[in-house]
PDB file of all heavy atoms in Angstrom:
ATOM      1  N   ASN A   1       5.145  -4.829 -18.108  1.00  0.00           N
ATOM      2  CA  ASN A   1       3.832  -4.341 -18.639  1.00  0.00           C
ATOM      3  C   ASN A   1       3.929  -4.112 -20.113  1.00  0.00           C
ATOM      4  O   ASN A   1       2.981  -4.411 -20.873  1.00  0.00           O
ATOM      5  CB  ASN A   1       3.501  -3.022 -17.936  1.00  0.00           C
ATOM      6  CG  ASN A   1       2.776  -3.181 -16.670  1.00  0.00           C
ATOM      7  OD1 ASN A   1       1.525  -3.135 -16.648  1.00  0.00           O
ATOM      8  ND2 ASN A   1       3.448  -3.262 -15.534  1.00  0.00           N
ATOM      9  N   ALA A   2       5.063  -3.611 -20.585  1.00  0.00           N
ATOM     10  CA  ALA A   2       5.198  -3.359 -22.058  1.00  0.00           C
ATOM     11  C   ALA A   2       5.295  -4.671 -22.830  1.00  0.00           C
ATOM     12  O   ALA A   2       4.889  -4.732 -23.949  1.00  0.00           O
ATOM     13  CB  ALA A   2       6.495  -2.589 -22.304  1.00  0.00           C
ATOM     14  N   ALA A   3       5.760  -5.764 -22.177  1.00  0.00           N
ATOM     15  CA  ALA A   3       5.886  -7.009 -22.879  1.00  0.00           C
ATOM     16  C   ALA A   3       4.670  -7.939 -22.829  1.00  0.00           C
ATOM     17  O   ALA A   3       4.501  -8.892 -23.581  1.00  0.00           O
ATOM     18  CB  ALA A   3       7.160  -7.823 -22.367  1.00  0.00           C
ATOM     19  N   ALA A   4       3.769  -7.712 -21.839  1.00  0.00           N
ATOM     20  CA  ALA A   4       2.643  -8.566 -21.593  1.00  0.00           C
ATOM     21  C   ALA A   4       1.577  -8.431 -22.656  1.00  0.00           C
ATOM     22  O   ALA A   4       1.588  -7.444 -23.480  1.00  0.00           O
ATOM     23  CB  ALA A   4       2.149  -8.364 -20.210  1.00  0.00           C
ATOM     24  N   THR A   5       0.606  -9.263 -22.566  1.00  0.00           N
ATOM     25  CA  THR A   5      -0.598  -9.210 -23.535  1.00  0.00           C
ATOM     26  C   THR A   5      -1.729  -8.400 -22.977  1.00  0.00           C
ATOM     27  O   THR A   5      -2.227  -7.496 -23.738  1.00  0.00           O
ATOM     28  CB  THR A   5      -1.084 -10.642 -23.797  1.00  0.00           C
ATOM     29  OG1 THR A   5       0.079 -11.529 -24.018  1.00  0.00           O
ATOM     30  CG2 THR A   5      -2.000 -10.685 -24.993  1.00  0.00           C
ATOM     31  N   VAL A   6      -2.185  -8.615 -21.759  1.00  0.00           N
ATOM     32  CA  VAL A   6      -3.367  -7.989 -21.225  1.00  0.00           C
ATOM     33  C   VAL A   6      -3.106  -7.671 -19.670  1.00  0.00           C
ATOM     34  O   VAL A   6      -2.352  -8.446 -19.094  1.00  0.00           O
ATOM     35  CB  VAL A   6      -4.632  -8.891 -21.323  1.00  0.00           C
ATOM     36  CG1 VAL A   6      -5.866  -8.131 -20.902  1.00  0.00           C
ATOM     37  CG2 VAL A   6      -4.794  -9.437 -22.739  1.00  0.00           C
ATOM     38  N   SER A   7      -3.701  -6.734 -19.121  1.00  0.00           N
ATOM     39  CA  SER A   7      -3.725  -6.489 -17.722  1.00  0.00           C
ATOM     40  C   SER A   7      -5.132  -6.647 -17.250  1.00  0.00           C
ATOM     41  O   SER A   7      -6.054  -6.166 -17.769  1.00  0.00           O
ATOM     42  CB  SER A   7      -3.295  -5.016 -17.377  1.00  0.00           C
ATOM     43  OG  SER A   7      -3.452  -4.792 -15.951  1.00  0.00           O
ATOM     44  N   LEU A   8      -5.256  -7.444 -16.204  1.00  0.00           N
ATOM     45  CA  LEU A   8      -6.623  -7.783 -15.645  1.00  0.00           C
ATOM     46  C   LEU A   8      -6.786  -6.925 -14.335  1.00  0.00           C
ATOM     47  O   LEU A   8      -6.103  -7.094 -13.375  1.00  0.00           O
ATOM     48  CB  LEU A   8      -6.712  -9.223 -15.271  1.00  0.00           C
ATOM     49  CG  LEU A   8      -6.571 -10.195 -16.359  1.00  0.00           C
ATOM     50  CD1 LEU A   8      -6.615 -11.674 -15.820  1.00  0.00           C
ATOM     51  CD2 LEU A   8      -7.418 -10.007 -17.535  1.00  0.00           C
ATOM     52  N   ASP A   9      -7.837  -6.042 -14.404  1.00  0.00           N
ATOM     53  CA  ASP A   9      -8.091  -5.235 -13.201  1.00  0.00           C
ATOM     54  C   ASP A   9      -9.069  -5.959 -12.271  1.00  0.00           C
ATOM     55  O   ASP A   9     -10.101  -6.456 -12.722  1.00  0.00           O
ATOM     56  CB  ASP A   9      -8.815  -3.921 -13.756  1.00  0.00           C
ATOM     57  CG  ASP A   9      -8.524  -2.733 -12.942  1.00  0.00           C
ATOM     58  OD1 ASP A   9      -7.502  -2.697 -12.183  1.00  0.00           O
ATOM     59  OD2 ASP A   9      -9.287  -1.777 -13.038  1.00  0.00           O
ATOM     60  N   PRO A  10      -8.710  -6.101 -10.963  1.00  0.00           N
ATOM     61  CA  PRO A  10      -9.662  -6.856 -10.115  1.00  0.00           C
ATOM     62  C   PRO A  10     -10.965  -6.145 -10.025  1.00  0.00           C
ATOM     63  O   PRO A  10     -11.035  -4.911 -10.231  1.00  0.00           O
ATOM     64  CB  PRO A  10      -8.902  -6.793  -8.794  1.00  0.00           C
ATOM     65  CG  PRO A  10      -7.494  -6.529  -9.111  1.00  0.00           C
ATOM     66  CD  PRO A  10      -7.506  -5.681 -10.302  1.00  0.00           C
ATOM     67  N   ILE A  11     -12.054  -6.935  -9.755  1.00  0.00           N
ATOM     68  CA  ILE A  11     -13.294  -6.302  -9.505  1.00  0.00           C
ATOM     69  C   ILE A  11     -13.401  -5.870  -8.054  1.00  0.00           C
ATOM     70  O   ILE A  11     -12.733  -6.336  -7.224  1.00  0.00           O
ATOM     71  CB  ILE A  11     -14.447  -7.248  -9.942  1.00  0.00           C
ATOM     72  CG1 ILE A  11     -14.382  -8.494  -9.007  1.00  0.00           C
ATOM     73  CG2 ILE A  11     -14.345  -7.619 -11.332  1.00  0.00           C
ATOM     74  CD1 ILE A  11     -15.635  -9.505  -9.218  1.00  0.00           C
ATOM     75  N   HIS A  12     -14.282  -4.923  -7.773  1.00  0.00           N
ATOM     76  CA  HIS A  12     -14.627  -4.306  -6.514  1.00  0.00           C
ATOM     77  C   HIS A  12     -13.500  -3.316  -6.026  1.00  0.00           C
ATOM     78  O   HIS A  12     -13.832  -2.301  -5.421  1.00  0.00           O
ATOM     79  CB  HIS A  12     -14.809  -5.362  -5.432  1.00  0.00           C
ATOM     80  CG  HIS A  12     -15.880  -6.278  -5.798  1.00  0.00           C
ATOM     81  ND1 HIS A  12     -17.178  -5.933  -6.089  1.00  0.00           N
ATOM     82  CD2 HIS A  12     -15.969  -7.750  -5.681  1.00  0.00           C
ATOM     83  CE1 HIS A  12     -17.949  -6.999  -6.375  1.00  0.00           C
ATOM     84  NE2 HIS A  12     -17.220  -8.060  -6.128  1.00  0.00           N
ATOM     85  N   PHE A  13     -12.224  -3.721  -6.205  1.00  0.00           N
ATOM     86  CA  PHE A  13     -11.173  -2.747  -5.745  1.00  0.00           C
ATOM     87  C   PHE A  13     -10.044  -2.837  -6.898  1.00  0.00           C
ATOM     88  O   PHE A  13      -9.207  -3.717  -6.927  1.00  0.00           O
ATOM     89  CB  PHE A  13     -10.535  -3.342  -4.434  1.00  0.00           C
ATOM     90  CG  PHE A  13      -9.731  -2.252  -3.709  1.00  0.00           C
ATOM     91  CD1 PHE A  13      -9.701  -2.404  -2.325  1.00  0.00           C
ATOM     92  CD2 PHE A  13      -9.050  -1.197  -4.341  1.00  0.00           C
ATOM     93  CE1 PHE A  13      -8.967  -1.398  -1.549  1.00  0.00           C
ATOM     94  CE2 PHE A  13      -8.379  -0.368  -3.577  1.00  0.00           C
ATOM     95  CZ  PHE A  13      -8.283  -0.374  -2.192  1.00  0.00           C
ATOM     96  N   CYS A  14     -10.147  -1.815  -7.745  1.00  0.00           N
ATOM     97  CA  CYS A  14      -9.304  -1.793  -8.969  1.00  0.00           C
ATOM     98  C   CYS A  14      -8.045  -1.219  -8.747  1.00  0.00           C
ATOM     99  O   CYS A  14      -7.632  -0.795  -7.723  1.00  0.00           O
ATOM    100  CB  CYS A  14     -10.022  -1.152 -10.109  1.00  0.00           C
ATOM    101  SG  CYS A  14     -10.155   0.582  -9.978  1.00  0.00           S
ATOM    102  N   GLY A  15      -7.207  -1.130  -9.841  1.00  0.00           N
ATOM    103  CA  GLY A  15      -5.855  -0.462  -9.787  1.00  0.00           C
ATOM    104  C   GLY A  15      -6.034   1.013  -9.955  1.00  0.00           C
ATOM    105  O   GLY A  15      -7.097   1.518 -10.445  1.00  0.00           O
ATOM    106  N   GLY A  16      -5.018   1.765  -9.508  1.00  0.00           N
ATOM    107  CA  GLY A  16      -5.021   3.153  -9.793  1.00  0.00           C
ATOM    108  C   GLY A  16      -3.621   3.543 -10.347  1.00  0.00           C
ATOM    109  O   GLY A  16      -3.514   3.656 -11.640  1.00  0.00           O
ATOM    110  N   ASN A  17      -2.576   3.706  -9.512  1.00  0.00           N
ATOM    111  CA  ASN A  17      -1.362   3.840 -10.045  1.00  0.00           C
ATOM    112  C   ASN A  17      -0.843   2.849 -11.050  1.00  0.00           C
ATOM    113  O   ASN A  17      -0.287   3.141 -12.112  1.00  0.00           O
ATOM    114  CB  ASN A  17      -0.308   3.815  -8.828  1.00  0.00           C
ATOM    115  CG  ASN A  17       1.134   4.059  -9.139  1.00  0.00           C
ATOM    116  OD1 ASN A  17       1.465   5.190  -9.469  1.00  0.00           O
ATOM    117  ND2 ASN A  17       1.917   3.038  -9.200  1.00  0.00           N
ATOM    118  N   THR A  18      -1.241   1.528 -10.771  1.00  0.00           N
ATOM    119  CA  THR A  18      -0.892   0.442 -11.705  1.00  0.00           C
ATOM    120  C   THR A  18      -1.510   0.695 -13.087  1.00  0.00           C
ATOM    121  O   THR A  18      -0.908   0.338 -14.107  1.00  0.00           O
ATOM    122  CB  THR A  18      -1.350  -0.844 -11.179  1.00  0.00           C
ATOM    123  OG1 THR A  18      -0.882  -1.007  -9.745  1.00  0.00           O
ATOM    124  CG2 THR A  18      -0.810  -2.020 -11.919  1.00  0.00           C
ATOM    125  N   THR A  19      -2.738   1.167 -13.071  1.00  0.00           N
ATOM    126  CA  THR A  19      -3.379   1.422 -14.404  1.00  0.00           C
ATOM    127  C   THR A  19      -2.796   2.524 -15.166  1.00  0.00           C
ATOM    128  O   THR A  19      -2.547   2.490 -16.371  1.00  0.00           O
ATOM    129  CB  THR A  19      -4.916   1.726 -14.153  1.00  0.00           C
ATOM    130  OG1 THR A  19      -5.481   0.632 -13.451  1.00  0.00           O
ATOM    131  CG2 THR A  19      -5.661   1.919 -15.511  1.00  0.00           C
ATOM    132  N   TYR A  20      -2.446   3.715 -14.428  1.00  0.00           N
ATOM    133  CA  TYR A  20      -1.578   4.690 -15.029  1.00  0.00           C
ATOM    134  C   TYR A  20      -0.387   4.134 -15.795  1.00  0.00           C
ATOM    135  O   TYR A  20      -0.120   4.491 -16.937  1.00  0.00           O
ATOM    136  CB  TYR A  20      -1.218   5.711 -14.032  1.00  0.00           C
ATOM    137  CG  TYR A  20      -2.165   6.859 -13.811  1.00  0.00           C
ATOM    138  CD1 TYR A  20      -2.784   6.948 -12.533  1.00  0.00           C
ATOM    139  CD2 TYR A  20      -2.397   7.900 -14.692  1.00  0.00           C
ATOM    140  CE1 TYR A  20      -3.666   8.055 -12.223  1.00  0.00           C
ATOM    141  CE2 TYR A  20      -3.281   8.954 -14.372  1.00  0.00           C
ATOM    142  CZ  TYR A  20      -3.858   9.024 -13.159  1.00  0.00           C
ATOM    143  OH  TYR A  20      -4.748  10.061 -12.867  1.00  0.00           O
ATOM    144  N   GLU A  21       0.287   3.301 -15.108  1.00  0.00           N
ATOM    145  CA  GLU A  21       1.585   2.814 -15.658  1.00  0.00           C
ATOM    146  C   GLU A  21       1.345   1.837 -16.766  1.00  0.00           C
ATOM    147  O   GLU A  21       2.070   1.800 -17.797  1.00  0.00           O
ATOM    148  CB  GLU A  21       2.385   2.131 -14.460  1.00  0.00           C
ATOM    149  CG  GLU A  21       2.860   3.133 -13.489  1.00  0.00           C
ATOM    150  CD  GLU A  21       3.616   2.510 -12.362  1.00  0.00           C
ATOM    151  OE1 GLU A  21       3.279   1.405 -11.884  1.00  0.00           O
ATOM    152  OE2 GLU A  21       4.525   3.151 -11.757  1.00  0.00           O
ATOM    153  N   ALA A  22       0.337   0.974 -16.659  1.00  0.00           N
ATOM    154  CA  ALA A  22       0.067   0.043 -17.743  1.00  0.00           C
ATOM    155  C   ALA A  22      -0.324   0.754 -19.011  1.00  0.00           C
ATOM    156  O   ALA A  22       0.173   0.464 -20.120  1.00  0.00           O
ATOM    157  CB  ALA A  22      -1.076  -0.931 -17.341  1.00  0.00           C
ATOM    158  N   LEU A  23      -1.198   1.803 -18.858  1.00  0.00           N
ATOM    159  CA  LEU A  23      -1.694   2.491 -20.044  1.00  0.00           C
ATOM    160  C   LEU A  23      -0.543   3.306 -20.673  1.00  0.00           C
ATOM    161  O   LEU A  23      -0.378   3.490 -21.893  1.00  0.00           O
ATOM    162  CB  LEU A  23      -2.830   3.429 -19.739  1.00  0.00           C
ATOM    163  CG  LEU A  23      -4.083   2.732 -19.262  1.00  0.00           C
ATOM    164  CD1 LEU A  23      -5.134   3.755 -18.730  1.00  0.00           C
ATOM    165  CD2 LEU A  23      -4.669   1.832 -20.286  1.00  0.00           C
ATOM    166  N   ALA A  24       0.433   3.747 -19.829  1.00  0.00           N
ATOM    167  CA  ALA A  24       1.549   4.536 -20.344  1.00  0.00           C
ATOM    168  C   ALA A  24       2.420   3.618 -21.235  1.00  0.00           C
ATOM    169  O   ALA A  24       3.105   4.045 -22.162  1.00  0.00           O
ATOM    170  CB  ALA A  24       2.353   5.092 -19.279  1.00  0.00           C
ATOM    171  N   MET A  25       2.421   2.309 -20.920  1.00  0.00           N
ATOM    172  CA  MET A  25       3.165   1.302 -21.724  1.00  0.00           C
ATOM    173  C   MET A  25       2.334   0.682 -22.875  1.00  0.00           C
ATOM    174  O   MET A  25       2.864  -0.191 -23.613  1.00  0.00           O
ATOM    175  CB  MET A  25       3.650   0.190 -20.761  1.00  0.00           C
ATOM    176  CG  MET A  25       4.550   0.576 -19.619  1.00  0.00           C
ATOM    177  SD  MET A  25       6.075   1.344 -20.180  1.00  0.00           S
ATOM    178  CE  MET A  25       5.835   3.069 -19.587  1.00  0.00           C
ATOM    179  N   GLY A  26       1.122   1.194 -23.080  1.00  0.00           N
ATOM    180  CA  GLY A  26       0.298   0.671 -24.149  1.00  0.00           C
ATOM    181  C   GLY A  26      -0.303  -0.639 -23.848  1.00  0.00           C
ATOM    182  O   GLY A  26      -0.819  -1.343 -24.795  1.00  0.00           O
ATOM    183  N   LEU A  27      -0.333  -1.063 -22.597  1.00  0.00           N
ATOM    184  CA  LEU A  27      -0.897  -2.362 -22.188  1.00  0.00           C
ATOM    185  C   LEU A  27      -2.405  -2.205 -21.901  1.00  0.00           C
ATOM    186  O   LEU A  27      -2.807  -1.528 -20.993  1.00  0.00           O
ATOM    187  CB  LEU A  27      -0.261  -2.901 -20.955  1.00  0.00           C
ATOM    188  CG  LEU A  27      -0.782  -4.232 -20.416  1.00  0.00           C
ATOM    189  CD1 LEU A  27      -0.626  -5.378 -21.395  1.00  0.00           C
ATOM    190  CD2 LEU A  27      -0.127  -4.576 -19.041  1.00  0.00           C
ATOM    191  N   PRO A  28      -3.277  -2.880 -22.707  1.00  0.00           N
ATOM    192  CA  PRO A  28      -4.759  -2.783 -22.371  1.00  0.00           C
ATOM    193  C   PRO A  28      -5.138  -3.294 -20.994  1.00  0.00           C
ATOM    194  O   PRO A  28      -4.592  -4.392 -20.664  1.00  0.00           O
ATOM    195  CB  PRO A  28      -5.369  -3.622 -23.540  1.00  0.00           C
ATOM    196  CG  PRO A  28      -4.272  -3.720 -24.659  1.00  0.00           C
ATOM    197  CD  PRO A  28      -3.113  -3.671 -23.845  1.00  0.00           C
ATOM    198  N   VAL A  29      -5.867  -2.619 -20.284  1.00  0.00           N
ATOM    199  CA  VAL A  29      -6.384  -3.010 -18.998  1.00  0.00           C
ATOM    200  C   VAL A  29      -7.864  -3.248 -19.124  1.00  0.00           C
ATOM    201  O   VAL A  29      -8.630  -2.404 -19.490  1.00  0.00           O
ATOM    202  CB  VAL A  29      -6.109  -1.872 -17.916  1.00  0.00           C
ATOM    203  CG1 VAL A  29      -6.625  -2.304 -16.557  1.00  0.00           C
ATOM    204  CG2 VAL A  29      -4.639  -1.498 -17.884  1.00  0.00           C
ATOM    205  N   VAL A  30      -8.274  -4.420 -18.786  1.00  0.00           N
ATOM    206  CA  VAL A  30      -9.742  -4.801 -18.793  1.00  0.00           C
ATOM    207  C   VAL A  30     -10.271  -4.519 -17.328  1.00  0.00           C
ATOM    208  O   VAL A  30      -9.658  -4.991 -16.364  1.00  0.00           O
ATOM    209  CB  VAL A  30      -9.945  -6.274 -19.106  1.00  0.00           C
ATOM    210  CG1 VAL A  30     -11.457  -6.550 -19.137  1.00  0.00           C
ATOM    211  CG2 VAL A  30      -9.324  -6.546 -20.537  1.00  0.00           C
ATOM    212  N   THR A  31     -11.350  -3.765 -17.270  1.00  0.00           N
ATOM    213  CA  THR A  31     -11.857  -3.331 -15.959  1.00  0.00           C
ATOM    214  C   THR A  31     -13.370  -3.528 -15.935  1.00  0.00           C
ATOM    215  O   THR A  31     -14.063  -3.477 -17.053  1.00  0.00           O
ATOM    216  CB  THR A  31     -11.436  -1.902 -15.644  1.00  0.00           C
ATOM    217  OG1 THR A  31     -11.778  -1.667 -14.252  1.00  0.00           O
ATOM    218  CG2 THR A  31     -12.054  -0.967 -16.554  1.00  0.00           C
ATOM    219  N   MET A  32     -14.000  -3.635 -14.779  1.00  0.00           N
ATOM    220  CA  MET A  32     -15.377  -3.646 -14.608  1.00  0.00           C
ATOM    221  C   MET A  32     -15.730  -2.736 -13.393  1.00  0.00           C
ATOM    222  O   MET A  32     -15.651  -3.173 -12.288  1.00  0.00           O
ATOM    223  CB  MET A  32     -15.892  -5.095 -14.312  1.00  0.00           C
ATOM    224  CG  MET A  32     -17.428  -5.218 -14.344  1.00  0.00           C
ATOM    225  SD  MET A  32     -17.993  -6.944 -14.322  1.00  0.00           S
ATOM    226  CE  MET A  32     -17.843  -7.341 -12.614  1.00  0.00           C
ATOM    227  N   PRO A  33     -16.127  -1.527 -13.669  1.00  0.00           N
ATOM    228  CA  PRO A  33     -16.381  -0.541 -12.558  1.00  0.00           C
ATOM    229  C   PRO A  33     -17.441  -0.980 -11.622  1.00  0.00           C
ATOM    230  O   PRO A  33     -18.498  -1.735 -12.043  1.00  0.00           O
ATOM    231  CB  PRO A  33     -16.857   0.704 -13.302  1.00  0.00           C
ATOM    232  CG  PRO A  33     -16.240   0.558 -14.677  1.00  0.00           C
ATOM    233  CD  PRO A  33     -16.229  -0.854 -15.033  1.00  0.00           C
ATOM    234  N   SER A  34     -17.357  -0.762 -10.348  1.00  0.00           N
ATOM    235  CA  SER A  34     -18.359  -0.897  -9.374  1.00  0.00           C
ATOM    236  C   SER A  34     -19.109   0.306  -9.039  1.00  0.00           C
ATOM    237  O   SER A  34     -18.870   1.342  -9.598  1.00  0.00           O
ATOM    238  CB  SER A  34     -17.710  -1.613  -8.134  1.00  0.00           C
ATOM    239  OG  SER A  34     -16.855  -0.607  -7.429  1.00  0.00           O
ATOM    240  N   SER A  35     -19.893   0.250  -7.924  1.00  0.00           N
ATOM    241  CA  SER A  35     -20.627   1.450  -7.497  1.00  0.00           C
ATOM    242  C   SER A  35     -19.762   2.386  -6.668  1.00  0.00           C
ATOM    243  O   SER A  35     -20.175   3.555  -6.485  1.00  0.00           O
ATOM    244  CB  SER A  35     -21.902   1.000  -6.643  1.00  0.00           C
ATOM    245  OG  SER A  35     -22.728   0.172  -7.410  1.00  0.00           O
ATOM    246  N   PHE A  36     -18.648   1.963  -6.187  1.00  0.00           N
ATOM    247  CA  PHE A  36     -17.840   2.701  -5.272  1.00  0.00           C
ATOM    248  C   PHE A  36     -16.530   3.182  -5.945  1.00  0.00           C
ATOM    249  O   PHE A  36     -16.000   2.473  -6.866  1.00  0.00           O
ATOM    250  CB  PHE A  36     -17.468   2.007  -4.001  1.00  0.00           C
ATOM    251  CG  PHE A  36     -18.815   1.539  -3.199  1.00  0.00           C
ATOM    252  CD1 PHE A  36     -19.223   0.211  -3.266  1.00  0.00           C
ATOM    253  CD2 PHE A  36     -19.448   2.475  -2.513  1.00  0.00           C
ATOM    254  CE1 PHE A  36     -20.374  -0.186  -2.574  1.00  0.00           C
ATOM    255  CE2 PHE A  36     -20.607   2.041  -1.825  1.00  0.00           C
ATOM    256  CZ  PHE A  36     -21.030   0.707  -1.870  1.00  0.00           C
ATOM    257  N   LEU A  37     -15.991   4.312  -5.500  1.00  0.00           N
ATOM    258  CA  LEU A  37     -14.801   4.877  -6.086  1.00  0.00           C
ATOM    259  C   LEU A  37     -13.653   3.804  -6.191  1.00  0.00           C
ATOM    260  O   LEU A  37     -12.953   3.808  -7.218  1.00  0.00           O
ATOM    261  CB  LEU A  37     -14.325   6.108  -5.246  1.00  0.00           C
ATOM    262  CG  LEU A  37     -13.173   6.902  -5.699  1.00  0.00           C
ATOM    263  CD1 LEU A  37     -13.250   8.295  -5.114  1.00  0.00           C
ATOM    264  CD2 LEU A  37     -11.861   6.283  -5.361  1.00  0.00           C
ATOM    265  N   ARG A  38     -13.494   2.991  -5.180  1.00  0.00           N
ATOM    266  CA  ARG A  38     -12.392   2.069  -5.201  1.00  0.00           C
ATOM    267  C   ARG A  38     -12.441   1.054  -6.304  1.00  0.00           C
ATOM    268  O   ARG A  38     -11.431   0.465  -6.574  1.00  0.00           O
ATOM    269  CB  ARG A  38     -12.342   1.305  -3.872  1.00  0.00           C
ATOM    270  CG  ARG A  38     -13.596   0.544  -3.528  1.00  0.00           C
ATOM    271  CD  ARG A  38     -13.537  -0.089  -2.130  1.00  0.00           C
ATOM    272  NE  ARG A  38     -14.695  -0.759  -1.673  1.00  0.00           N
ATOM    273  CZ  ARG A  38     -15.704  -0.060  -0.991  1.00  0.00           C
ATOM    274  NH1 ARG A  38     -15.497   1.165  -0.601  1.00  0.00           N
ATOM    275  NH2 ARG A  38     -16.748  -0.748  -0.563  1.00  0.00           N
ATOM    276  N   GLY A  39     -13.539   0.967  -7.021  1.00  0.00           N
ATOM    277  CA  GLY A  39     -13.681   0.103  -8.190  1.00  0.00           C
ATOM    278  C   GLY A  39     -13.774   0.820  -9.520  1.00  0.00           C
ATOM    279  O   GLY A  39     -13.975   0.217 -10.524  1.00  0.00           O
ATOM    280  N   ARG A  40     -13.622   2.135  -9.531  1.00  0.00           N
ATOM    281  CA  ARG A  40     -13.963   2.897 -10.665  1.00  0.00           C
ATOM    282  C   ARG A  40     -12.774   3.743 -11.274  1.00  0.00           C
ATOM    283  O   ARG A  40     -12.957   4.493 -12.257  1.00  0.00           O
ATOM    284  CB  ARG A  40     -15.059   3.966 -10.344  1.00  0.00           C
ATOM    285  CG  ARG A  40     -16.300   3.279  -9.835  1.00  0.00           C
ATOM    286  CD  ARG A  40     -17.394   4.334  -9.423  1.00  0.00           C
ATOM    287  NE  ARG A  40     -17.767   5.114 -10.608  1.00  0.00           N
ATOM    288  CZ  ARG A  40     -18.698   4.709 -11.464  1.00  0.00           C
ATOM    289  NH1 ARG A  40     -19.311   3.584 -11.374  1.00  0.00           N
ATOM    290  NH2 ARG A  40     -19.039   5.542 -12.474  1.00  0.00           N
ATOM    291  N   ILE A  41     -11.586   3.646 -10.734  1.00  0.00           N
ATOM    292  CA  ILE A  41     -10.446   4.489 -11.194  1.00  0.00           C
ATOM    293  C   ILE A  41     -10.083   4.164 -12.624  1.00  0.00           C
ATOM    294  O   ILE A  41      -9.909   5.089 -13.429  1.00  0.00           O
ATOM    295  CB  ILE A  41      -9.302   4.379 -10.206  1.00  0.00           C
ATOM    296  CG1 ILE A  41      -9.724   4.845  -8.796  1.00  0.00           C
ATOM    297  CG2 ILE A  41      -8.126   5.190 -10.683  1.00  0.00           C
ATOM    298  CD1 ILE A  41      -8.714   4.571  -7.735  1.00  0.00           C
ATOM    299  N   SER A  42      -9.884   2.869 -12.893  1.00  0.00           N
ATOM    300  CA  SER A  42      -9.479   2.476 -14.274  1.00  0.00           C
ATOM    301  C   SER A  42     -10.566   2.997 -15.270  1.00  0.00           C
ATOM    302  O   SER A  42     -10.168   3.479 -16.379  1.00  0.00           O
ATOM    303  CB  SER A  42      -9.246   1.066 -14.369  1.00  0.00           C
ATOM    304  OG  SER A  42      -8.186   0.653 -13.514  1.00  0.00           O
ATOM    305  N   GLY A  43     -11.818   2.733 -14.974  1.00  0.00           N
ATOM    306  CA  GLY A  43     -12.841   3.168 -15.897  1.00  0.00           C
ATOM    307  C   GLY A  43     -12.933   4.640 -16.080  1.00  0.00           C
ATOM    308  O   GLY A  43     -13.116   5.222 -17.238  1.00  0.00           O
ATOM    309  N   ALA A  44     -12.564   5.428 -15.044  1.00  0.00           N
ATOM    310  CA  ALA A  44     -12.512   6.908 -15.182  1.00  0.00           C
ATOM    311  C   ALA A  44     -11.359   7.313 -16.058  1.00  0.00           C
ATOM    312  O   ALA A  44     -11.536   8.295 -16.838  1.00  0.00           O
ATOM    313  CB  ALA A  44     -12.333   7.480 -13.780  1.00  0.00           C
TER     314      ALA A  44
END
């Protein structure tokens, strides 16, 4: 995560734990929140 360029968050069912870890390493996560909680964690 620290060495990569970008993290791609899936649509409809995004990352949670994975997003915490990517952001802690300074890796930008691109996300597109949905209407349901399962797609909104990274955006939150």
